[in-house]
C-alpha atoms as a PDB file:
ATOM      1  CA  MET A   1      25.186  -9.661   4.485  1.00  0.00           C
ATOM      2  CA  LEU A   2      22.863  -7.455   5.402  1.00  0.00           C
ATOM      3  CA  ALA A   3      21.874  -4.618   2.871  1.00  0.00           C
ATOM      4  CA  VAL A   4      20.295  -2.371   5.753  1.00  0.00           C
ATOM      5  CA  GLU A   5      20.142  -2.858   9.133  1.00  0.00           C
ATOM      6  CA  THR A   6      19.474   0.063  12.088  1.00  0.00           C
ATOM      7  CA  ILE A   7      20.317  -0.646  15.989  1.00  0.00           C
ATOM      8  CA  GLU A   8      17.837   1.532  18.637  1.00  0.00           C
ATOM      9  CA  LEU A   9      18.100   4.194  15.858  1.00  0.00           C
ATOM     10  CA  ARG A  10      17.106   7.440  17.688  1.00  0.00           C
ATOM     11  CA  ARG A  11      16.377  11.363  15.826  1.00  0.00           C
ATOM     12  CA  VAL A  12      15.656  14.338  18.460  1.00  0.00           C
ATOM     13  CA  TYR A  13      14.824  17.573  16.406  1.00  0.00           C
ATOM     14  CA  LYS A  14      15.331  20.742  18.926  1.00  0.00           C
ATOM     15  CA  SER A  15      13.110  22.981  19.035  1.00  0.00           C
ATOM     16  CA  GLY A  16      14.224  25.725  21.752  1.00  0.00           C
ATOM     17  CA  ASP A  17      13.699  26.245  25.126  1.00  0.00           C
ATOM     18  CA  ARG A  18      10.096  27.201  25.064  1.00  0.00           C
ATOM     19  CA  ASN A  19       9.021  24.572  22.984  1.00  0.00           C
ATOM     20  CA  PRO A  20       9.525  20.394  23.369  1.00  0.00           C
ATOM     21  CA  ASP A  21      11.866  18.713  21.372  1.00  0.00           C
ATOM     22  CA  VAL A  22      10.616  16.264  18.215  1.00  0.00           C
ATOM     23  CA  VAL A  23      11.372  13.061  18.173  1.00  0.00           C
ATOM     24  CA  ALA A  24      11.652  11.774  14.681  1.00  0.00           C
ATOM     25  CA  LEU A  25      12.941   8.079  15.472  1.00  0.00           C
ATOM     26  CA  ASP A  26      12.165   6.639  18.959  1.00  0.00           C
ATOM     27  CA  ASP A  27      14.594   3.564  18.721  1.00  0.00           C
ATOM     28  CA  VAL A  28      13.797   2.381  15.187  1.00  0.00           C
ATOM     29  CA  SER A  29      15.670  -0.998  15.037  1.00  0.00           C
ATOM     30  CA  THR A  30      14.783  -3.194  11.671  1.00  0.00           C
ATOM     31  CA  GLN A  31      16.742  -5.276   9.138  1.00  0.00           C
ATOM     32  CA  ILE A  32      16.495  -5.526   5.034  1.00  0.00           C
ATOM     33  CA  GLU A  33      18.258  -8.301   3.407  1.00  0.00           C
ATOM     34  CA  GLU A  34      20.005  -7.734   0.137  1.00  0.00           C
ATOM     35  CA  GLY A  35      17.778  -8.041  -2.870  1.00  0.00           C
ATOM     36  CA  GLU A  36      14.615  -7.111  -1.192  1.00  0.00           C
ATOM     37  CA  ILE A  37      11.977  -4.197  -1.875  1.00  0.00           C
ATOM     38  CA  ARG A  38      10.896  -2.726   1.856  1.00  0.00           C
ATOM     39  CA  GLY A  39       8.096  -0.975   2.162  1.00  0.00           C
ATOM     40  CA  LEU A  40       8.266   2.104   4.691  1.00  0.00           C
ATOM     41  CA  LEU A  41       4.697   2.847   4.921  1.00  0.00           C
ATOM     42  CA  GLY A  42       3.127   6.026   7.143  1.00  0.00           C
ATOM     43  CA  PRO A  43       1.279   8.819   7.709  1.00  0.00           C
ATOM     44  CA  ASN A  44       2.935  12.484   6.687  1.00  0.00           C
ATOM     45  CA  GLY A  45       5.322  13.177   9.436  1.00  0.00           C
ATOM     46  CA  ALA A  46       5.622   9.719  10.608  1.00  0.00           C
ATOM     47  CA  GLY A  47       9.467   9.858  10.231  1.00  0.00           C
ATOM     48  CA  LYS A  48      10.246   7.973   6.877  1.00  0.00           C
ATOM     49  CA  THR A  49      11.993  10.791   5.404  1.00  0.00           C
ATOM     50  CA  THR A  50      14.077  11.196   8.594  1.00  0.00           C
ATOM     51  CA  LEU A  51      15.104   7.705   8.174  1.00  0.00           C
ATOM     52  CA  VAL A  52      16.059   7.510   5.068  1.00  0.00           C
ATOM     53  CA  LYS A  53      18.170  10.741   4.952  1.00  0.00           C
ATOM     54  CA  ILE A  54      19.790   9.487   8.130  1.00  0.00           C
ATOM     55  CA  LEU A  55      20.513   6.206   6.192  1.00  0.00           C
ATOM     56  CA  SER A  56      21.950   8.040   2.522  1.00  0.00           C
ATOM     57  CA  THR A  57      23.851   9.599   4.999  1.00  0.00           C
ATOM     58  CA  VAL A  58      22.619  13.310   4.411  1.00  0.00           C
ATOM     59  CA  LEU A  59      21.495  13.412   8.353  1.00  0.00           C
ATOM     60  CA  LEU A  60      23.494  12.462  11.622  1.00  0.00           C
ATOM     61  CA  PRO A  61      21.657  10.034  14.055  1.00  0.00           C
ATOM     62  CA  THR A  62      21.135  11.216  17.473  1.00  0.00           C
ATOM     63  CA  SER A  63      22.208   8.146  18.541  1.00  0.00           C
ATOM     64  CA  GLY A  64      21.900   4.356  18.048  1.00  0.00           C
ATOM     65  CA  SER A  65      23.593   3.159  14.699  1.00  0.00           C
ATOM     66  CA  ALA A  66      22.946   2.319  11.121  1.00  0.00           C
ATOM     67  CA  PHE A  67      24.566   0.381   8.363  1.00  0.00           C
ATOM     68  CA  VAL A  68      24.056   0.019   4.264  1.00  0.00           C
ATOM     69  CA  LEU A  69      26.140  -3.001   3.282  1.00  0.00           C
ATOM     70  CA  GLY A  70      28.087  -3.409   6.698  1.00  0.00           C
ATOM     71  CA  HIS A  71      29.689   0.363   6.546  1.00  0.00           C
ATOM     72  CA  ASP A  72      28.366   2.539   9.188  1.00  0.00           C
ATOM     73  CA  VAL A  73      26.539   5.442   8.036  1.00  0.00           C
ATOM     74  CA  VAL A  74      28.597   8.224  10.261  1.00  0.00           C
ATOM     75  CA  ARG A  75      32.146   6.300  10.517  1.00  0.00           C
ATOM     76  CA  GLN A  76      31.980   5.573   7.026  1.00  0.00           C
ATOM     77  CA  MET A  77      29.591   7.737   5.065  1.00  0.00           C
ATOM     78  CA  GLN A  78      32.263   7.698   1.574  1.00  0.00           C
ATOM     79  CA  ALA A  79      32.022   4.153   1.685  1.00  0.00           C
ATOM     80  CA  VAL A  80      27.701   4.161   2.119  1.00  0.00           C
ATOM     81  CA  ARG A  81      27.578   7.200  -0.696  1.00  0.00           C
ATOM     82  CA  GLN A  82      29.621   4.735  -3.176  1.00  0.00           C
ATOM     83  CA  GLN A  83      26.890   2.111  -2.420  1.00  0.00           C
ATOM     84  CA  ILE A  84      23.744   3.787  -2.636  1.00  0.00           C
ATOM     85  CA  GLY A  85      21.175   5.814  -5.033  1.00  0.00           C
ATOM     86  CA  ILE A  86      18.461   8.445  -3.915  1.00  0.00           C
ATOM     87  CA  VAL A  87      15.096   9.166  -5.610  1.00  0.00           C
ATOM     88  CA  PHE A  88      12.801  11.699  -3.981  1.00  0.00           C
ATOM     89  CA  GLY A  89       9.491  12.545  -5.367  1.00  0.00           C
ATOM     90  CA  GLY A  90       8.594  15.821  -6.643  1.00  0.00           C
ATOM     91  CA  ASP A  91      10.558  18.273  -8.178  1.00  0.00           C
ATOM     92  CA  ARG A  92      13.835  18.398  -6.024  1.00  0.00           C
ATOM     93  CA  GLY A  93      17.582  17.425  -7.284  1.00  0.00           C
ATOM     94  CA  LEU A  94      16.634  18.156 -10.476  1.00  0.00           C
ATOM     95  CA  TYR A  95      18.055  21.464 -12.249  1.00  0.00           C
ATOM     96  CA  TRP A  96      15.607  22.000 -14.945  1.00  0.00           C
ATOM     97  CA  ARG A  97      17.792  24.605 -17.115  1.00  0.00           C
ATOM     98  CA  LEU A  98      20.281  21.306 -18.318  1.00  0.00           C
ATOM     99  CA  THR A  99      18.592  18.968 -20.593  1.00  0.00           C
ATOM    100  CA  GLY A 100      18.182  15.420 -19.606  1.00  0.00           C
ATOM    101  CA  ARG A 101      21.262  13.945 -20.187  1.00  0.00           C
ATOM    102  CA  GLN A 102      23.517  17.161 -19.019  1.00  0.00           C
ATOM    103  CA  ASN A 103      21.551  16.473 -15.553  1.00  0.00           C
ATOM    104  CA  LEU A 104      22.514  12.184 -15.643  1.00  0.00           C
ATOM    105  CA  GLU A 105      26.081  13.435 -17.044  1.00  0.00           C
ATOM    106  CA  TYR A 106      26.627  15.690 -13.758  1.00  0.00           C
ATOM    107  CA  TRP A 107      25.563  13.356 -11.190  1.00  0.00           C
ATOM    108  CA  ALA A 108      28.175  10.603 -12.525  1.00  0.00           C
ATOM    109  CA  ALA A 109      30.789  13.357 -12.675  1.00  0.00           C
ATOM    110  CA  LEU A 110      29.433  13.680  -8.907  1.00  0.00           C
ATOM    111  CA  TYR A 111      30.150  10.062  -8.163  1.00  0.00           C
ATOM    112  CA  ASN A 112      33.494  10.112  -9.719  1.00  0.00           C
ATOM    113  CA  VAL A 113      32.506   7.872 -12.987  1.00  0.00           C
ATOM    114  CA  PRO A 114      35.307   8.185 -15.857  1.00  0.00           C
ATOM    115  CA  ALA A 115      34.215  10.244 -18.294  1.00  0.00           C
ATOM    116  CA  GLY A 116      33.468   7.569 -21.026  1.00  0.00           C
ATOM    117  CA  PRO A 117      32.241   5.178 -19.201  1.00  0.00           C
ATOM    118  CA  ALA A 118      29.388   8.294 -17.988  1.00  0.00           C
ATOM    119  CA  LYS A 119      28.377   8.500 -21.224  1.00  0.00           C
ATOM    120  CA  GLN A 120      27.718   5.117 -22.497  1.00  0.00           C
ATOM    121  CA  ARG A 121      26.258   4.675 -18.872  1.00  0.00           C
ATOM    122  CA  VAL A 122      24.161   7.558 -19.253  1.00  0.00           C
ATOM    123  CA  ALA A 123      22.729   6.445 -22.734  1.00  0.00           C
ATOM    124  CA  ALA A 124      21.508   3.238 -21.510  1.00  0.00           C
ATOM    125  CA  LEU A 125      19.907   4.592 -19.174  1.00  0.00           C
ATOM    126  CA  LEU A 126      18.480   7.578 -20.974  1.00  0.00           C
ATOM    127  CA  ASP A 127      16.941   4.275 -23.357  1.00  0.00           C
ATOM    128  CA  ARG A 128      16.184   2.256 -19.907  1.00  0.00           C
ATOM    129  CA  VAL A 129      13.835   4.878 -18.687  1.00  0.00           C
ATOM    130  CA  GLY A 130      12.353   6.008 -21.731  1.00  0.00           C
ATOM    131  CA  LEU A 131      14.076   9.214 -22.742  1.00  0.00           C
ATOM    132  CA  THR A 132      16.388   9.049 -25.253  1.00  0.00           C
ATOM    133  CA  GLU A 133      14.221  10.962 -27.656  1.00  0.00           C
ATOM    134  CA  ARG A 134      13.789  13.702 -25.182  1.00  0.00           C
ATOM    135  CA  ALA A 135      17.189  13.345 -23.759  1.00  0.00           C
ATOM    136  CA  ASP A 136      18.379  16.456 -24.990  1.00  0.00           C
ATOM    137  CA  SER A 137      15.338  18.510 -24.234  1.00  0.00           C
ATOM    138  CA  LYS A 138      15.159  20.858 -20.554  1.00  0.00           C
ATOM    139  CA  VAL A 139      14.044  19.546 -17.597  1.00  0.00           C
ATOM    140  CA  GLU A 140      11.558  22.170 -17.500  1.00  0.00           C
ATOM    141  CA  THR A 141       9.992  21.012 -20.388  1.00  0.00           C
ATOM    142  CA  TYR A 142       9.305  17.634 -19.286  1.00  0.00           C
ATOM    143  CA  SER A 143       5.693  16.029 -17.693  1.00  0.00           C
ATOM    144  CA  ARG A 144       5.814  15.310 -13.912  1.00  0.00           C
ATOM    145  CA  GLY A 145       6.334  11.390 -14.949  1.00  0.00           C
ATOM    146  CA  MET A 146       9.355  12.335 -16.952  1.00  0.00           C
ATOM    147  CA  LYS A 147      10.665  13.694 -14.460  1.00  0.00           C
ATOM    148  CA  GLN A 148      10.315  10.898 -12.324  1.00  0.00           C
ATOM    149  CA  ARG A 149      12.012   8.665 -14.609  1.00  0.00           C
ATOM    150  CA  LEU A 150      14.647  11.021 -14.965  1.00  0.00           C
ATOM    151  CA  HIS A 151      15.127  11.472 -11.076  1.00  0.00           C
ATOM    152  CA  LEU A 152      15.239   6.901 -11.061  1.00  0.00           C
ATOM    153  CA  ALA A 153      18.004   7.241 -13.652  1.00  0.00           C
ATOM    154  CA  ARG A 154      19.726   9.816 -11.560  1.00  0.00           C
ATOM    155  CA  GLY A 155      19.627   7.310  -8.808  1.00  0.00           C
ATOM    156  CA  LEU A 156      21.263   4.136 -10.850  1.00  0.00           C
ATOM    157  CA  VAL A 157      23.395   6.455 -12.692  1.00  0.00           C
ATOM    158  CA  ALA A 158      26.567   5.159 -10.025  1.00  0.00           C
ATOM    159  CA  ASP A 159      25.187   1.728 -10.700  1.00  0.00           C
ATOM    160  CA  ALA A 160      23.378   1.285  -7.217  1.00  0.00           C
ATOM    161  CA  ARG A 161      23.376  -1.425  -4.741  1.00  0.00           C
ATOM    162  CA  VAL A 162      20.713  -0.226  -2.635  1.00  0.00           C
ATOM    163  CA  LEU A 163      18.025   2.705  -3.998  1.00  0.00           C
ATOM    164  CA  PHE A 164      16.290   4.682  -1.451  1.00  0.00           C
ATOM    165  CA  LEU A 165      13.016   5.722  -2.968  1.00  0.00           C
ATOM    166  CA  ASP A 166      11.111   8.064  -1.180  1.00  0.00           C
ATOM    167  CA  GLU A 167       7.097   8.740  -2.120  1.00  0.00           C
ATOM    168  CA  PRO A 168       8.253   8.262  -6.052  1.00  0.00           C
ATOM    169  CA  THR A 169       5.225   8.155  -7.387  1.00  0.00           C
ATOM    170  CA  VAL A 170       4.240  11.227  -5.478  1.00  0.00           C
ATOM    171  CA  GLY A 171       1.470  13.656  -7.873  1.00  0.00           C
ATOM    172  CA  LEU A 172       1.432  10.765 -10.484  1.00  0.00           C
ATOM    173  CA  ASP A 173      -1.318  10.230 -12.821  1.00  0.00           C
ATOM    174  CA  PRO A 174      -2.026   5.903 -12.394  1.00  0.00           C
ATOM    175  CA  LEU A 175      -0.510   5.399 -15.685  1.00  0.00           C
ATOM    176  CA  ALA A 176       2.750   6.780 -15.215  1.00  0.00           C
ATOM    177  CA  ALA A 177       2.906   5.241 -11.445  1.00  0.00           C
ATOM    178  CA  ARG A 178       2.129   1.964 -12.988  1.00  0.00           C
ATOM    179  CA  ASP A 179       5.418   2.353 -15.352  1.00  0.00           C
ATOM    180  CA  PHE A 180       7.571   3.718 -12.381  1.00  0.00           C
ATOM    181  CA  ARG A 181       6.659   0.538 -10.785  1.00  0.00           C
ATOM    182  CA  ASN A 182       7.473  -1.555 -13.299  1.00  0.00           C
ATOM    183  CA  LEU A 183      10.879  -0.142 -13.471  1.00  0.00           C
ATOM    184  CA  ILE A 184      11.577  -0.872  -9.870  1.00  0.00           C
ATOM    185  CA  MET A 185      10.337  -4.295 -10.095  1.00  0.00           C
ATOM    186  CA  GLU A 186      13.118  -4.862 -12.488  1.00  0.00           C
ATOM    187  CA  LEU A 187      15.455  -3.339 -10.958  1.00  0.00           C
ATOM    188  CA  ARG A 188      14.197  -6.395  -7.808  1.00  0.00           C
ATOM    189  CA  GLY A 189      15.230  -8.655 -10.448  1.00  0.00           C
ATOM    190  CA  GLU A 190      18.843  -7.144 -10.538  1.00  0.00           C
ATOM    191  CA  GLY A 191      19.402  -8.299  -7.313  1.00  0.00           C
ATOM    192  CA  ARG A 192      19.219  -4.481  -5.903  1.00  0.00           C
ATOM    193  CA  THR A 193      17.599  -3.572  -2.606  1.00  0.00           C
ATOM    194  CA  ILE A 194      15.059  -1.016  -2.225  1.00  0.00           C
ATOM    195  CA  LEU A 195      13.846   0.803   0.053  1.00  0.00           C
ATOM    196  CA  LEU A 196      10.640   2.630  -0.721  1.00  0.00           C
ATOM    197  CA  THR A 197       8.524   5.074   1.936  1.00  0.00           C
ATOM    198  CA  THR A 198       4.995   6.007   0.916  1.00  0.00           C
ATOM    199  CA  HIS A 199       1.459   6.439   2.576  1.00  0.00           C
ATOM    200  CA  ASP A 200      -0.271   4.386  -0.225  1.00  0.00           C
ATOM    201  CA  MET A 201      -1.448   1.011   0.278  1.00  0.00           C
ATOM    202  CA  ALA A 202      -1.773  -0.149  -3.509  1.00  0.00           C
ATOM    203  CA  GLU A 203       1.978   0.757  -4.195  1.00  0.00           C
ATOM    204  CA  ALA A 204       2.975  -1.271  -1.417  1.00  0.00           C
ATOM    205  CA  GLU A 205       0.732  -4.139  -2.010  1.00  0.00           C
ATOM    206  CA  ALA A 206       1.971  -4.159  -5.528  1.00  0.00           C
ATOM    207  CA  VAL A 207       5.589  -4.107  -5.462  1.00  0.00           C
ATOM    208  CA  CYS A 208       7.051  -4.667  -1.724  1.00  0.00           C
ATOM    209  CA  ASP A 209       8.137  -7.567  -0.094  1.00  0.00           C
ATOM    210  CA  ARG A 210       7.614  -6.632   3.356  1.00  0.00           C
ATOM    211  CA  VAL A 211       6.242  -3.323   4.581  1.00  0.00           C
ATOM    212  CA  ALA A 212       7.111  -1.556   8.040  1.00  0.00           C
ATOM    213  CA  LEU A 213       4.882   0.217   9.718  1.00  0.00           C
ATOM    214  CA  ILE A 214       6.046   3.540  11.148  1.00  0.00           C
ATOM    215  CA  ASP A 215       4.187   6.161  12.726  1.00  0.00           C
ATOM    216  CA  ARG A 216       5.437   8.957  15.543  1.00  0.00           C
ATOM    217  CA  GLY A 217       9.173   7.985  15.017  1.00  0.00           C
ATOM    218  CA  ARG A 218       8.681   3.988  16.186  1.00  0.00           C
ATOM    219  CA  LEU A 219       8.294   0.865  14.162  1.00  0.00           C
ATOM    220  CA  VAL A 220       4.580  -0.145  14.484  1.00  0.00           C
ATOM    221  CA  ALA A 221       5.286  -3.835  12.986  1.00  0.00           C
ATOM    222  CA  THR A 222       7.153  -5.108   9.500  1.00  0.00           C
ATOM    223  CA  GLU A 223       4.719  -7.953   7.801  1.00  0.00           C
ATOM    224  CA  THR A 224       3.798  -8.692   4.548  1.00  0.00           C
ATOM    225  CA  PRO A 225       1.678  -6.856   2.745  1.00  0.00           C
ATOM    226  CA  ARG A 226      -1.123  -9.171   2.105  1.00  0.00           C
ATOM    227  CA  THR A 227      -1.099  -9.286   6.096  1.00  0.00           C
ATOM    228  CA  LEU A 228      -1.061  -6.064   6.105  1.00  0.00           C
ATOM    229  CA  SER A 229      -4.274  -5.989   3.727  1.00  0.00           C
ATOM    230  CA  THR A 230      -6.040  -8.289   6.245  1.00  0.00           C
ATOM    231  CA  LEU A 231      -5.288  -5.546   8.980  1.00  0.00           C
ATOM    232  CA  VAL A 232      -7.201  -2.457   6.482  1.00  0.00           C
ATOM    233  CA  ALA A 233      -9.706  -5.148   5.953  1.00  0.00           C
ATOM    234  CA  GLN A 234     -10.913  -5.090   9.936  1.00  0.00           C
ATOM    235  CA  TYR A 235     -11.570  -1.699   9.591  1.00  0.00           C
ATOM    236  CA  GLU A 236     -14.311  -1.632   6.950  1.00  0.00           C
ATOM    237  CA  ARG A 237     -17.122   0.887   7.051  1.00  0.00           C
ATOM    238  CA  ILE A 238     -20.643   1.023   6.151  1.00  0.00           C
ATOM    239  CA  ASP A 239     -22.359   4.168   4.542  1.00  0.00           C
ATOM    240  CA  PHE A 240     -26.360   3.775   4.466  1.00  0.00           C
ATOM    241  CA  GLU A 241     -29.410   5.674   4.184  1.00  0.00           C
ATOM    242  CA  GLY A 242     -32.905   6.268   5.760  1.00  0.00           C
ATOM    243  CA  ALA A 243     -31.959   4.794   9.252  1.00  0.00           C
ATOM    244  CA  SER A 244     -34.325   5.130  12.033  1.00  0.00           C
ATOM    245  CA  ALA A 245     -33.357   6.025  15.432  1.00  0.00           C
ATOM    246  CA  GLU A 246     -33.772   2.524  17.057  1.00  0.00           C
ATOM    247  CA  LEU A 247     -31.916   0.726  14.209  1.00  0.00           C
ATOM    248  CA  GLN A 248     -28.923   2.983  14.522  1.00  0.00           C
ATOM    249  CA  GLU A 249     -29.237   2.028  18.348  1.00  0.00           C
ATOM    250  CA  GLN A 250     -29.072  -1.515  17.730  1.00  0.00           C
ATOM    251  CA  LEU A 251     -26.478  -1.449  14.694  1.00  0.00           C
ATOM    252  CA  ARG A 252     -24.196  -0.106  17.999  1.00  0.00           C
ATOM    253  CA  GLN A 253     -25.168  -2.991  19.976  1.00  0.00           C
ATOM    254  CA  LEU A 254     -23.885  -5.281  17.700  1.00  0.00           C
ATOM    255  CA  HIS A 255     -20.473  -6.972  18.415  1.00  0.00           C
ATOM    256  CA  GLY A 256     -17.585  -5.437  16.480  1.00  0.00           C
ATOM    257  CA  ILE A 257     -19.198  -2.053  15.429  1.00  0.00           C
ATOM    258  CA  ALA A 258     -16.477   0.774  16.634  1.00  0.00           C
ATOM    259  CA  SER A 259     -19.367   3.663  16.166  1.00  0.00           C
ATOM    260  CA  VAL A 260     -22.616   4.926  14.141  1.00  0.00           C
ATOM    261  CA  THR A 261     -21.974   8.411  12.871  1.00  0.00           C
ATOM    262  CA  GLN A 262     -24.296  10.876  11.177  1.00  0.00           C
ATOM    263  CA  MET A 263     -22.159  12.433   7.372  1.00  0.00           C
ATOM    264  CA  GLY A 264     -22.087  15.551   6.045  1.00  0.00           C
ATOM    265  CA  ASN A 265     -24.606  14.172   3.073  1.00  0.00           C
ATOM    266  CA  GLY A 266     -27.236  12.921   5.545  1.00  0.00           C
ATOM    267  CA  ALA A 267     -26.071   9.840   5.297  1.00  0.00           C
ATOM    268  CA  LEU A 268     -25.005   7.394   8.068  1.00  0.00           C
ATOM    269  CA  ARG A 269     -21.839   5.897   8.337  1.00  0.00           C
ATOM    270  CA  ALA A 270     -20.903   2.527  10.766  1.00  0.00           C
ATOM    271  CA  GLU A 271     -16.971   2.033  11.302  1.00  0.00           C
ATOM    272  CA  LEU A 272     -16.237  -1.876  12.537  1.00  0.00           C
ATOM    273  CA  LEU A 273     -13.824  -2.620  14.584  1.00  0.00           C
ATOM    274  CA  GLU A 274     -13.461  -6.828  13.183  1.00  0.00           C
ATOM    275  CA  ALA A 275     -14.033  -7.995   9.164  1.00  0.00           C
ATOM    276  CA  GLU A 276     -16.375 -10.555  11.343  1.00  0.00           C
ATOM    277  CA  ALA A 277     -18.933  -7.616  12.341  1.00  0.00           C
ATOM    278  CA  MET A 278     -19.586  -7.185   8.356  1.00  0.00           C
ATOM    279  CA  ALA A 279     -22.086  -9.575   7.884  1.00  0.00           C
ATOM    280  CA  PRO A 280     -24.528  -9.523  10.840  1.00  0.00           C
ATOM    281  CA  ALA A 281     -23.952  -5.972  10.025  1.00  0.00           C
ATOM    282  CA  LEU A 282     -25.470  -5.890   6.793  1.00  0.00           C
ATOM    283  CA  GLN A 283     -28.247  -8.599   7.896  1.00  0.00           C
ATOM    284  CA  LEU A 284     -29.463  -5.914  10.029  1.00  0.00           C
ATOM    285  CA  LEU A 285     -30.057  -3.651   7.598  1.00  0.00           C
ATOM    286  CA  VAL A 286     -31.543  -5.890   4.481  1.00  0.00           C
ATOM    287  CA  GLY A 287     -33.644  -7.191   7.009  1.00  0.00           C
ATOM    288  CA  ALA A 288     -34.695  -3.495   8.100  1.00  0.00           C
ATOM    289  CA  GLY A 289     -35.438  -2.361   4.844  1.00  0.00           C
ATOM    290  CA  VAL A 290     -32.587  -0.749   3.796  1.00  0.00           C
ATOM    291  CA  THR A 291     -30.997  -0.510   0.533  1.00  0.00           C
ATOM    292  CA  SER A 292     -29.311   2.279  -0.163  1.00  0.00           C
ATOM    293  CA  ILE A 293     -26.657   0.410   1.392  1.00  0.00           C
ATOM    294  CA  GLN A 294     -22.167   0.807   0.508  1.00  0.00           C
ATOM    295  CA  THR A 295     -19.331  -0.376   1.810  1.00  0.00           C
ATOM    296  CA  SER A 296     -16.104   0.486   1.616  1.00  0.00           C
ATOM    297  CA  ARG A 297     -11.955   0.147   3.325  1.00  0.00           C
ATOM    298  CA  PRO A 298     -10.508   3.061   4.768  1.00  0.00           C
ATOM    299  CA  SER A 299      -7.014   5.289   4.142  1.00  0.00           C
ATOM    300  CA  LEU A 300      -4.170   3.718   5.733  1.00  0.00           C
ATOM    301  CA  GLU A 301      -4.347   6.699   7.289  1.00  0.00           C
ATOM    302  CA  GLU A 302      -7.635   6.211   8.876  1.00  0.00           C
ATOM    303  CA  VAL A 303      -6.800   3.132   9.997  1.00  0.00           C
ATOM    304  CA  TYR A 304      -4.202   4.532  12.126  1.00  0.00           C
ATOM    305  CA  VAL A 305      -6.657   6.594  13.967  1.00  0.00           C
ATOM    306  CA  HIS A 306      -8.588   4.063  15.161  1.00  0.00           C
ATOM    307  CA  ILE A 307      -5.883   1.332  16.383  1.00  0.00           C
ATOM    308  CA  MET A 308      -3.291   3.985  17.134  1.00  0.00           C
ATOM    309  CA  GLY A 309      -3.784   8.074  16.924  1.00  0.00           C
ATOM    310  CA  ASP A 310      -5.485   8.043  21.208  1.00  0.00           C
ATOM    311  CA  ARG A 311      -3.842   4.842  22.656  1.00  0.00           C
ATOM    312  CA  GLY A 312      -0.268   5.550  21.975  1.00  0.00           C
ATOM    313  CA  LEU A 313       2.026   2.649  20.530  1.00  0.00           C
ATOM    314  CA  GLN A 314       2.487  -1.187  21.196  1.00  0.00           C
ATOM    315  CA  VAL A 315       6.148  -2.008  19.520  1.00  0.00           C
ATOM    316  CA  ARG A 316       6.379  -5.485  18.157  1.00  0.00           C
ATOM    317  CA  ALA A 317       9.841  -7.015  16.958  1.00  0.00           C
END
C-alpha cells in the first residue's frame, strides 16, 4: 500500500471578481511509499503548505484525488486523521499557558487515546524528545528548540503512521536543528512515513530519501538528494575583483556563462549555466592576473529564478 498518493490534485483560491484566482496546486500527481522520507522542496508560496493541509484533511481540494494509506482525504476524513500526525514550524498548535505534559495529554484526549495509556505514552514521548525535566513547566517558558521537540511529540501522541512536517526546523539554531533531524531519522527507522516540507537544501539532503521540487503549484521533478545537489552545482557562481572591461567581455563569451554583473560592493559576479564552465572561467581569470576570486553555490530559490522564474515550468513524470 502507498502511504500517500495524489492524482491530478488541484486547489484554487478565489480572489473575487476584480482579481485573478490563485492556483495554489496545479494537477499534482505523486506517490510516496510506506517508510519513505519524502522532501517537498520549494520557495515560499510554491504550494507546499497547501498540499500538506489537503493531505491532513484541513483543506478540501478543488478537484483531483488524494489518499493516505488508501483512505480518501475527502470521503474518509476520520480514517485519515486516525493515521496521521502534523508538526508545524514556529509557535502554531501549542497552548502556552499549559505545561508540556498538559499539552500532550490534551491532544491525546482529542485523539481518543484512553486516559491510562495516554499518561504512559505522554511520559514516554517527553522522555524521547528530551523534555522530561521541563514537562511540568509552562510552554511559554520553553526555548524555540524545546517547542519544536514538543511539536514532534504532539505529532506522535496518537502513534501516527504518517507524519507531515511543515518546515519543522524553521528558526532553530544549527544544534537544535541537528537534534531534530536525528529524531526524524529515528522515526524512519520505526517504519513511519514522513512528508517534510522545506526550502532548506541542506535539510533535504540530510534526511530525505527522495525530494520533490514544487514551484507555482506544480511538481517539477522528483529526484534523490544527490541528483538535486548536482542540479544546484550547475549554477555555481564566481565572485572576483579587479577585472578590466575587456576581461569581463571575454568571460561573457565563454560557453556556459550566463552573465557577468556588477555587485553592490564593487565586486563582479559570473553566473554559470553548467558546471563544466567553472574550469575555463577560472583559468581565464587567473591567467589575466585576477587574484581575488571566490566560488559559491546559489540558494535553491536562486536556482529557481535561473531555470524556472521567467520561462515557465516543464513538468516531468
